[in-house]
Amino acid sequence: MTQEAHVDPTRAAFDAFKTLPRDVPINMLNLIRYRDKATYPDGHEHAGKGWSGERAYQEYGTTSGPIFRRVGGKIIWRGDFQCVVTGPEDEHWDAAFIAYYPNAGAFLEMVTDPDYRIAVVNRQAAVLTSRLIRFHPGDGNSDGFA
């Protein structure tokens, strides 16, 4: 794989996120590529279990899901990767979904929750590279691209 690995936001990217309005709904596009084998830190309860990245990401969903739902999050679209039409030919994604949050503050509440900080270790162990892109929801009712 030639692409650079992106698992957690950089400080600059997270700071840019925090400067945007917090009181408006947001959609977060998630593109995930799993590790072949999850890489947990030494001493973690799941280290040494031989889990795949996909299995570790399932654990992330199980452990972070209640927090995601508590802050008002929901998955509004999920799709299965088929091919890249425009972009690097060697790029592919194992999971793609859009998460809705009632406002950006809800996302910040989730990622700073102490239980989420425990759960996110599963995501870090699972993910080889990812993209997390914030969008303001559009109306989706246009007949064209403009």
N, C-alpha and C. Protein backbone atom coordinates (compact mmCIF):
# COMPACT_ATOMS: atom_id res chain seq x y z
N MET A 1 0.85 -1.17 0.00
CA MET A 1 0.00 0.00 0.00
C MET A 1 0.89 1.23 0.00
N THR A 2 0.60 2.17 -0.87
CA THR A 2 1.43 3.35 -0.98
C THR A 2 0.89 4.54 -0.18
N GLN A 3 -0.35 4.47 0.27
CA GLN A 3 -0.90 5.62 0.98
C GLN A 3 -0.35 5.71 2.40
N GLU A 4 -0.27 6.95 2.90
CA GLU A 4 0.17 7.18 4.27
C GLU A 4 -0.94 6.76 5.23
N ALA A 5 -0.55 6.17 6.35
CA ALA A 5 -1.53 5.73 7.33
C ALA A 5 -2.06 6.91 8.14
N HIS A 6 -3.37 6.95 8.29
CA HIS A 6 -4.05 7.96 9.10
C HIS A 6 -5.02 7.21 10.01
N VAL A 7 -4.76 7.25 11.31
CA VAL A 7 -5.62 6.54 12.26
C VAL A 7 -6.30 7.53 13.19
N ASP A 8 -5.55 8.44 13.78
CA ASP A 8 -6.08 9.45 14.70
C ASP A 8 -5.90 10.83 14.08
N PRO A 9 -6.75 11.79 14.46
CA PRO A 9 -6.57 13.14 13.91
C PRO A 9 -5.29 13.78 14.42
N THR A 10 -4.69 14.61 13.59
CA THR A 10 -3.55 15.40 14.04
C THR A 10 -4.08 16.51 14.94
N ARG A 11 -3.23 17.08 15.74
CA ARG A 11 -3.63 18.20 16.60
C ARG A 11 -4.18 19.33 15.76
N ALA A 12 -3.52 19.65 14.63
CA ALA A 12 -3.97 20.76 13.77
C ALA A 12 -5.36 20.48 13.19
N ALA A 13 -5.59 19.24 12.75
CA ALA A 13 -6.90 18.91 12.19
C ALA A 13 -7.99 18.97 13.25
N PHE A 14 -7.69 18.48 14.46
CA PHE A 14 -8.68 18.51 15.52
C PHE A 14 -8.96 19.95 15.96
N ASP A 15 -7.92 20.77 16.00
CA ASP A 15 -8.11 22.19 16.34
C ASP A 15 -8.96 22.88 15.27
N ALA A 16 -8.75 22.56 14.00
CA ALA A 16 -9.57 23.13 12.92
C ALA A 16 -11.03 22.71 13.09
N PHE A 17 -11.26 21.45 13.42
CA PHE A 17 -12.62 20.95 13.67
C PHE A 17 -13.28 21.78 14.77
N LYS A 18 -12.55 22.04 15.84
CA LYS A 18 -13.11 22.74 17.00
C LYS A 18 -13.41 24.21 16.72
N THR A 19 -12.80 24.78 15.66
CA THR A 19 -13.09 26.18 15.34
C THR A 19 -14.38 26.33 14.55
N LEU A 20 -14.88 25.24 13.98
CA LEU A 20 -16.13 25.29 13.22
C LEU A 20 -17.32 25.34 14.19
N PRO A 21 -18.48 25.79 13.70
CA PRO A 21 -19.65 25.87 14.58
C PRO A 21 -19.96 24.54 15.27
N ARG A 22 -20.29 24.61 16.55
CA ARG A 22 -20.58 23.41 17.33
C ARG A 22 -22.07 23.16 17.49
N ASP A 23 -22.90 24.11 17.13
CA ASP A 23 -24.33 24.00 17.38
C ASP A 23 -25.14 23.65 16.14
N VAL A 24 -24.48 23.08 15.14
CA VAL A 24 -25.16 22.69 13.89
C VAL A 24 -24.98 21.19 13.67
N PRO A 25 -25.97 20.55 13.02
CA PRO A 25 -25.81 19.13 12.71
C PRO A 25 -24.60 18.91 11.80
N ILE A 26 -23.98 17.74 11.94
CA ILE A 26 -22.86 17.38 11.06
C ILE A 26 -23.00 15.93 10.62
N ASN A 27 -22.44 15.65 9.46
CA ASN A 27 -22.28 14.30 8.95
C ASN A 27 -20.79 14.03 8.86
N MET A 28 -20.38 12.85 9.33
CA MET A 28 -18.97 12.48 9.30
C MET A 28 -18.81 11.27 8.38
N LEU A 29 -18.14 11.49 7.24
CA LEU A 29 -17.83 10.40 6.32
C LEU A 29 -16.66 9.62 6.89
N ASN A 30 -16.84 8.33 7.06
CA ASN A 30 -15.81 7.43 7.59
C ASN A 30 -15.41 6.44 6.51
N LEU A 31 -14.13 6.39 6.19
CA LEU A 31 -13.58 5.39 5.28
C LEU A 31 -12.51 4.65 6.08
N ILE A 32 -12.64 3.34 6.16
CA ILE A 32 -11.79 2.53 7.03
C ILE A 32 -11.13 1.41 6.25
N ARG A 33 -9.84 1.26 6.45
CA ARG A 33 -9.12 0.08 5.95
C ARG A 33 -8.52 -0.62 7.16
N TYR A 34 -8.85 -1.89 7.32
CA TYR A 34 -8.43 -2.66 8.49
C TYR A 34 -7.00 -3.18 8.34
N ARG A 35 -6.37 -3.35 9.47
CA ARG A 35 -5.11 -4.11 9.52
C ARG A 35 -5.45 -5.57 9.29
N ASP A 36 -4.52 -6.34 8.76
CA ASP A 36 -4.73 -7.78 8.65
C ASP A 36 -4.89 -8.37 10.05
N LYS A 37 -4.02 -7.94 10.95
CA LYS A 37 -4.04 -8.41 12.34
C LYS A 37 -4.05 -7.19 13.26
N ALA A 38 -4.98 -7.16 14.20
CA ALA A 38 -5.07 -6.04 15.14
C ALA A 38 -3.78 -5.92 15.94
N THR A 39 -3.40 -4.70 16.23
CA THR A 39 -2.18 -4.45 17.01
C THR A 39 -2.54 -3.69 18.29
N TYR A 40 -2.76 -4.45 19.33
CA TYR A 40 -3.07 -3.88 20.65
C TYR A 40 -1.80 -3.58 21.41
N PRO A 41 -1.85 -2.59 22.30
CA PRO A 41 -0.69 -2.34 23.15
C PRO A 41 -0.44 -3.52 24.09
N ASP A 42 0.80 -3.74 24.44
CA ASP A 42 1.14 -4.80 25.40
C ASP A 42 0.32 -4.59 26.67
N GLY A 43 -0.19 -5.69 27.19
CA GLY A 43 -0.94 -5.64 28.43
C GLY A 43 -2.43 -5.37 28.25
N HIS A 44 -2.87 -4.99 27.05
CA HIS A 44 -4.30 -4.76 26.82
C HIS A 44 -5.03 -6.10 26.90
N GLU A 45 -6.26 -6.07 27.37
CA GLU A 45 -7.03 -7.31 27.55
C GLU A 45 -7.21 -8.11 26.25
N HIS A 46 -7.13 -7.45 25.09
CA HIS A 46 -7.30 -8.17 23.82
C HIS A 46 -5.97 -8.48 23.12
N ALA A 47 -4.86 -8.02 23.67
CA ALA A 47 -3.55 -8.31 23.09
C ALA A 47 -3.32 -9.82 23.13
N GLY A 48 -2.78 -10.33 22.06
CA GLY A 48 -2.47 -11.76 22.02
C GLY A 48 -3.63 -12.66 21.65
N LYS A 49 -4.81 -12.09 21.40
CA LYS A 49 -5.96 -12.92 21.01
C LYS A 49 -5.93 -13.28 19.53
N GLY A 50 -5.05 -12.61 18.77
CA GLY A 50 -4.94 -12.91 17.35
C GLY A 50 -6.09 -12.38 16.52
N TRP A 51 -6.76 -11.37 17.02
CA TRP A 51 -7.91 -10.81 16.30
C TRP A 51 -7.46 -10.15 15.00
N SER A 52 -8.33 -10.21 14.01
CA SER A 52 -8.14 -9.45 12.78
C SER A 52 -8.49 -7.99 13.07
N GLY A 53 -8.09 -7.11 12.18
CA GLY A 53 -8.50 -5.72 12.31
C GLY A 53 -10.01 -5.59 12.27
N GLU A 54 -10.65 -6.37 11.41
CA GLU A 54 -12.11 -6.31 11.32
C GLU A 54 -12.75 -6.70 12.65
N ARG A 55 -12.23 -7.75 13.29
CA ARG A 55 -12.79 -8.17 14.58
C ARG A 55 -12.58 -7.10 15.65
N ALA A 56 -11.42 -6.47 15.66
CA ALA A 56 -11.15 -5.41 16.63
C ALA A 56 -12.06 -4.22 16.38
N TYR A 57 -12.37 -3.93 15.11
CA TYR A 57 -13.27 -2.82 14.81
C TYR A 57 -14.69 -3.15 15.26
N GLN A 58 -15.08 -4.41 15.14
CA GLN A 58 -16.39 -4.82 15.67
C GLN A 58 -16.45 -4.58 17.18
N GLU A 59 -15.36 -4.86 17.87
CA GLU A 59 -15.30 -4.61 19.31
C GLU A 59 -15.40 -3.11 19.59
N TYR A 60 -14.77 -2.31 18.77
CA TYR A 60 -14.89 -0.85 18.89
C TYR A 60 -16.35 -0.43 18.77
N GLY A 61 -17.04 -0.98 17.79
CA GLY A 61 -18.46 -0.66 17.61
C GLY A 61 -19.30 -1.06 18.81
N THR A 62 -19.00 -2.23 19.35
CA THR A 62 -19.74 -2.71 20.52
C THR A 62 -19.50 -1.83 21.73
N THR A 63 -18.27 -1.43 21.96
CA THR A 63 -17.93 -0.68 23.16
C THR A 63 -18.19 0.82 23.03
N SER A 64 -18.12 1.36 21.82
CA SER A 64 -18.37 2.80 21.65
C SER A 64 -19.81 3.10 21.26
N GLY A 65 -20.53 2.11 20.77
CA GLY A 65 -21.90 2.30 20.29
C GLY A 65 -22.83 2.95 21.30
N PRO A 66 -22.85 2.50 22.55
CA PRO A 66 -23.75 3.13 23.52
C PRO A 66 -23.45 4.62 23.72
N ILE A 67 -22.20 5.01 23.67
CA ILE A 67 -21.82 6.42 23.83
C ILE A 67 -22.27 7.20 22.59
N PHE A 68 -22.02 6.64 21.42
CA PHE A 68 -22.42 7.23 20.14
C PHE A 68 -23.93 7.50 20.14
N ARG A 69 -24.72 6.52 20.55
CA ARG A 69 -26.17 6.68 20.56
C ARG A 69 -26.61 7.67 21.65
N ARG A 70 -25.94 7.65 22.79
CA ARG A 70 -26.31 8.55 23.89
C ARG A 70 -26.17 10.02 23.48
N VAL A 71 -25.16 10.35 22.68
CA VAL A 71 -24.98 11.74 22.26
C VAL A 71 -25.86 12.10 21.06
N GLY A 72 -26.67 11.15 20.58
CA GLY A 72 -27.58 11.40 19.47
C GLY A 72 -27.07 10.99 18.11
N GLY A 73 -25.95 10.25 18.08
CA GLY A 73 -25.39 9.80 16.81
C GLY A 73 -26.18 8.65 16.21
N LYS A 74 -26.14 8.57 14.88
CA LYS A 74 -26.74 7.44 14.19
C LYS A 74 -26.06 7.29 12.83
N ILE A 75 -26.01 6.07 12.35
CA ILE A 75 -25.46 5.80 11.02
C ILE A 75 -26.58 6.07 10.02
N ILE A 76 -26.31 6.97 9.06
CA ILE A 76 -27.36 7.30 8.08
C ILE A 76 -27.10 6.68 6.71
N TRP A 77 -25.90 6.14 6.51
CA TRP A 77 -25.58 5.45 5.26
C TRP A 77 -24.40 4.54 5.51
N ARG A 78 -24.45 3.38 4.90
CA ARG A 78 -23.34 2.43 4.94
C ARG A 78 -23.27 1.78 3.57
N GLY A 79 -22.06 1.54 3.09
CA GLY A 79 -21.91 0.92 1.78
C GLY A 79 -20.76 -0.05 1.74
N ASP A 80 -20.78 -0.92 0.75
CA ASP A 80 -19.71 -1.89 0.53
C ASP A 80 -18.87 -1.43 -0.65
N PHE A 81 -17.56 -1.33 -0.44
CA PHE A 81 -16.61 -0.89 -1.46
C PHE A 81 -16.67 -1.81 -2.67
N GLN A 82 -16.62 -1.20 -3.88
CA GLN A 82 -16.54 -1.98 -5.11
C GLN A 82 -15.31 -1.63 -5.92
N CYS A 83 -15.08 -0.36 -6.22
CA CYS A 83 -13.88 0.02 -6.97
C CYS A 83 -13.67 1.51 -6.88
N VAL A 84 -12.43 1.94 -7.13
CA VAL A 84 -12.11 3.36 -7.23
C VAL A 84 -12.32 3.78 -8.68
N VAL A 85 -13.14 4.80 -8.89
CA VAL A 85 -13.37 5.33 -10.22
C VAL A 85 -12.45 6.53 -10.46
N THR A 86 -12.32 7.40 -9.47
CA THR A 86 -11.40 8.53 -9.51
C THR A 86 -10.59 8.49 -8.23
N GLY A 87 -9.29 8.37 -8.35
CA GLY A 87 -8.43 8.33 -7.18
C GLY A 87 -7.35 7.29 -7.37
N PRO A 88 -6.50 7.12 -6.36
CA PRO A 88 -5.42 6.13 -6.46
C PRO A 88 -5.96 4.72 -6.70
N GLU A 89 -5.42 4.04 -7.68
CA GLU A 89 -5.91 2.72 -8.04
C GLU A 89 -5.71 1.68 -6.94
N ASP A 90 -4.69 1.88 -6.09
CA ASP A 90 -4.42 0.89 -5.05
C ASP A 90 -5.18 1.18 -3.75
N GLU A 91 -6.00 2.20 -3.76
CA GLU A 91 -6.75 2.57 -2.56
C GLU A 91 -8.06 1.79 -2.52
N HIS A 92 -8.32 1.16 -1.38
CA HIS A 92 -9.62 0.53 -1.19
C HIS A 92 -10.01 0.65 0.28
N TRP A 93 -11.28 0.47 0.55
CA TRP A 93 -11.81 0.64 1.90
C TRP A 93 -12.59 -0.60 2.30
N ASP A 94 -12.36 -1.05 3.51
CA ASP A 94 -13.08 -2.21 4.03
C ASP A 94 -14.44 -1.82 4.61
N ALA A 95 -14.56 -0.59 5.04
CA ALA A 95 -15.83 -0.10 5.60
C ALA A 95 -16.00 1.36 5.19
N ALA A 96 -17.22 1.72 4.87
CA ALA A 96 -17.55 3.10 4.54
C ALA A 96 -18.93 3.40 5.11
N PHE A 97 -19.03 4.51 5.83
CA PHE A 97 -20.32 4.90 6.39
C PHE A 97 -20.34 6.38 6.70
N ILE A 98 -21.54 6.91 6.84
CA ILE A 98 -21.71 8.29 7.26
C ILE A 98 -22.43 8.28 8.60
N ALA A 99 -21.81 8.92 9.58
CA ALA A 99 -22.39 9.06 10.90
C ALA A 99 -22.97 10.46 11.04
N TYR A 100 -24.20 10.53 11.50
CA TYR A 100 -24.87 11.81 11.76
C TYR A 100 -24.75 12.13 13.25
N TYR A 101 -24.48 13.39 13.54
CA TYR A 101 -24.50 13.90 14.91
C TYR A 101 -25.43 15.11 14.94
N PRO A 102 -26.24 15.26 15.98
CA PRO A 102 -27.17 16.39 16.03
C PRO A 102 -26.45 17.73 16.07
N ASN A 103 -25.19 17.70 16.51
CA ASN A 103 -24.36 18.90 16.47
C ASN A 103 -22.91 18.46 16.72
N ALA A 104 -21.98 19.35 16.37
CA ALA A 104 -20.56 19.02 16.53
C ALA A 104 -20.19 18.85 17.99
N GLY A 105 -20.91 19.55 18.87
CA GLY A 105 -20.67 19.38 20.30
C GLY A 105 -20.91 17.95 20.76
N ALA A 106 -21.88 17.27 20.14
CA ALA A 106 -22.15 15.87 20.48
C ALA A 106 -20.95 14.99 20.11
N PHE A 107 -20.35 15.25 18.96
CA PHE A 107 -19.16 14.49 18.57
C PHE A 107 -18.04 14.73 19.58
N LEU A 108 -17.83 15.99 19.95
CA LEU A 108 -16.78 16.31 20.93
C LEU A 108 -17.08 15.67 22.28
N GLU A 109 -18.35 15.65 22.67
CA GLU A 109 -18.73 14.98 23.92
C GLU A 109 -18.37 13.50 23.87
N MET A 110 -18.64 12.87 22.72
CA MET A 110 -18.35 11.45 22.58
C MET A 110 -16.85 11.19 22.69
N VAL A 111 -16.03 11.91 21.93
CA VAL A 111 -14.60 11.59 21.88
C VAL A 111 -13.86 11.96 23.17
N THR A 112 -14.49 12.76 24.02
CA THR A 112 -13.86 13.09 25.30
C THR A 112 -14.43 12.30 26.46
N ASP A 113 -15.43 11.47 26.21
CA ASP A 113 -16.03 10.63 27.25
C ASP A 113 -14.99 9.62 27.74
N PRO A 114 -14.83 9.46 29.05
CA PRO A 114 -13.82 8.52 29.58
C PRO A 114 -14.01 7.08 29.09
N ASP A 115 -15.25 6.62 28.94
CA ASP A 115 -15.49 5.27 28.44
C ASP A 115 -15.14 5.16 26.96
N TYR A 116 -15.36 6.24 26.19
CA TYR A 116 -14.98 6.23 24.79
C TYR A 116 -13.46 6.14 24.66
N ARG A 117 -12.75 6.84 25.51
CA ARG A 117 -11.28 6.80 25.44
C ARG A 117 -10.74 5.39 25.67
N ILE A 118 -11.48 4.59 26.42
CA ILE A 118 -11.12 3.17 26.60
C ILE A 118 -11.48 2.39 25.34
N ALA A 119 -12.67 2.65 24.81
CA ALA A 119 -13.16 1.92 23.62
C ALA A 119 -12.31 2.20 22.38
N VAL A 120 -11.80 3.43 22.24
CA VAL A 120 -11.10 3.81 21.01
C VAL A 120 -9.80 3.03 20.82
N VAL A 121 -9.29 2.41 21.86
CA VAL A 121 -8.09 1.57 21.71
C VAL A 121 -8.38 0.44 20.73
N ASN A 122 -9.61 -0.07 20.71
CA ASN A 122 -9.99 -1.10 19.74
C ASN A 122 -9.92 -0.57 18.31
N ARG A 123 -10.35 0.68 18.10
CA ARG A 123 -10.26 1.29 16.78
C ARG A 123 -8.81 1.46 16.36
N GLN A 124 -7.99 1.94 17.28
CA GLN A 124 -6.58 2.14 16.97
C GLN A 124 -5.88 0.83 16.65
N ALA A 125 -6.28 -0.25 17.31
CA ALA A 125 -5.70 -1.56 17.04
C ALA A 125 -6.17 -2.11 15.69
N ALA A 126 -7.37 -1.73 15.29
CA ALA A 126 -8.01 -2.29 14.10
C ALA A 126 -7.62 -1.62 12.80
N VAL A 127 -7.39 -0.32 12.83
CA VAL A 127 -7.33 0.48 11.61
C VAL A 127 -5.91 0.62 11.07
N LEU A 128 -5.76 0.28 9.80
CA LEU A 128 -4.50 0.51 9.10
C LEU A 128 -4.42 1.96 8.64
N THR A 129 -5.50 2.44 8.03
CA THR A 129 -5.62 3.84 7.63
C THR A 129 -7.09 4.17 7.52
N SER A 130 -7.39 5.45 7.60
CA SER A 130 -8.79 5.86 7.55
C SER A 130 -8.90 7.31 7.11
N ARG A 131 -10.11 7.70 6.83
CA ARG A 131 -10.44 9.10 6.57
C ARG A 131 -11.70 9.39 7.40
N LEU A 132 -11.70 10.54 8.03
CA LEU A 132 -12.86 11.02 8.78
C LEU A 132 -13.05 12.46 8.34
N ILE A 133 -14.13 12.70 7.61
CA ILE A 133 -14.32 13.99 6.95
C ILE A 133 -15.66 14.58 7.37
N ARG A 134 -15.60 15.80 7.91
CA ARG A 134 -16.81 16.48 8.39
C ARG A 134 -17.50 17.21 7.25
N PHE A 135 -18.82 17.06 7.19
CA PHE A 135 -19.66 17.76 6.23
C PHE A 135 -20.83 18.39 6.95
N HIS A 136 -21.26 19.54 6.46
CA HIS A 136 -22.54 20.08 6.89
C HIS A 136 -23.60 19.38 6.05
N PRO A 137 -24.66 18.84 6.65
CA PRO A 137 -25.68 18.13 5.85
C PRO A 137 -26.31 19.03 4.81
N GLY A 138 -26.40 18.53 3.60
CA GLY A 138 -27.11 19.22 2.53
C GLY A 138 -28.53 18.70 2.45
N ASP A 139 -29.34 19.29 1.59
CA ASP A 139 -30.73 18.84 1.51
C ASP A 139 -30.90 17.61 0.65
N GLY A 140 -29.93 17.32 -0.25
CA GLY A 140 -30.01 16.12 -1.08
C GLY A 140 -31.14 16.10 -2.07
N ASN A 141 -31.80 17.22 -2.29
CA ASN A 141 -32.96 17.23 -3.17
C ASN A 141 -32.69 17.83 -4.54
N SER A 142 -31.44 18.05 -4.88
CA SER A 142 -31.09 18.63 -6.17
C SER A 142 -31.17 17.58 -7.26
N ASP A 143 -31.60 18.00 -8.44
CA ASP A 143 -31.65 17.08 -9.58
C ASP A 143 -30.30 17.00 -10.29
N GLY A 144 -29.40 17.89 -10.00
CA GLY A 144 -28.09 17.92 -10.64
C GLY A 144 -26.97 17.90 -9.61
N PHE A 145 -25.77 18.23 -10.06
CA PHE A 145 -24.61 18.21 -9.17
C PHE A 145 -24.37 19.56 -8.52
N ALA A 146 -24.97 20.61 -9.02
CA ALA A 146 -24.71 21.95 -8.47
C ALA A 146 -25.72 22.32 -7.43
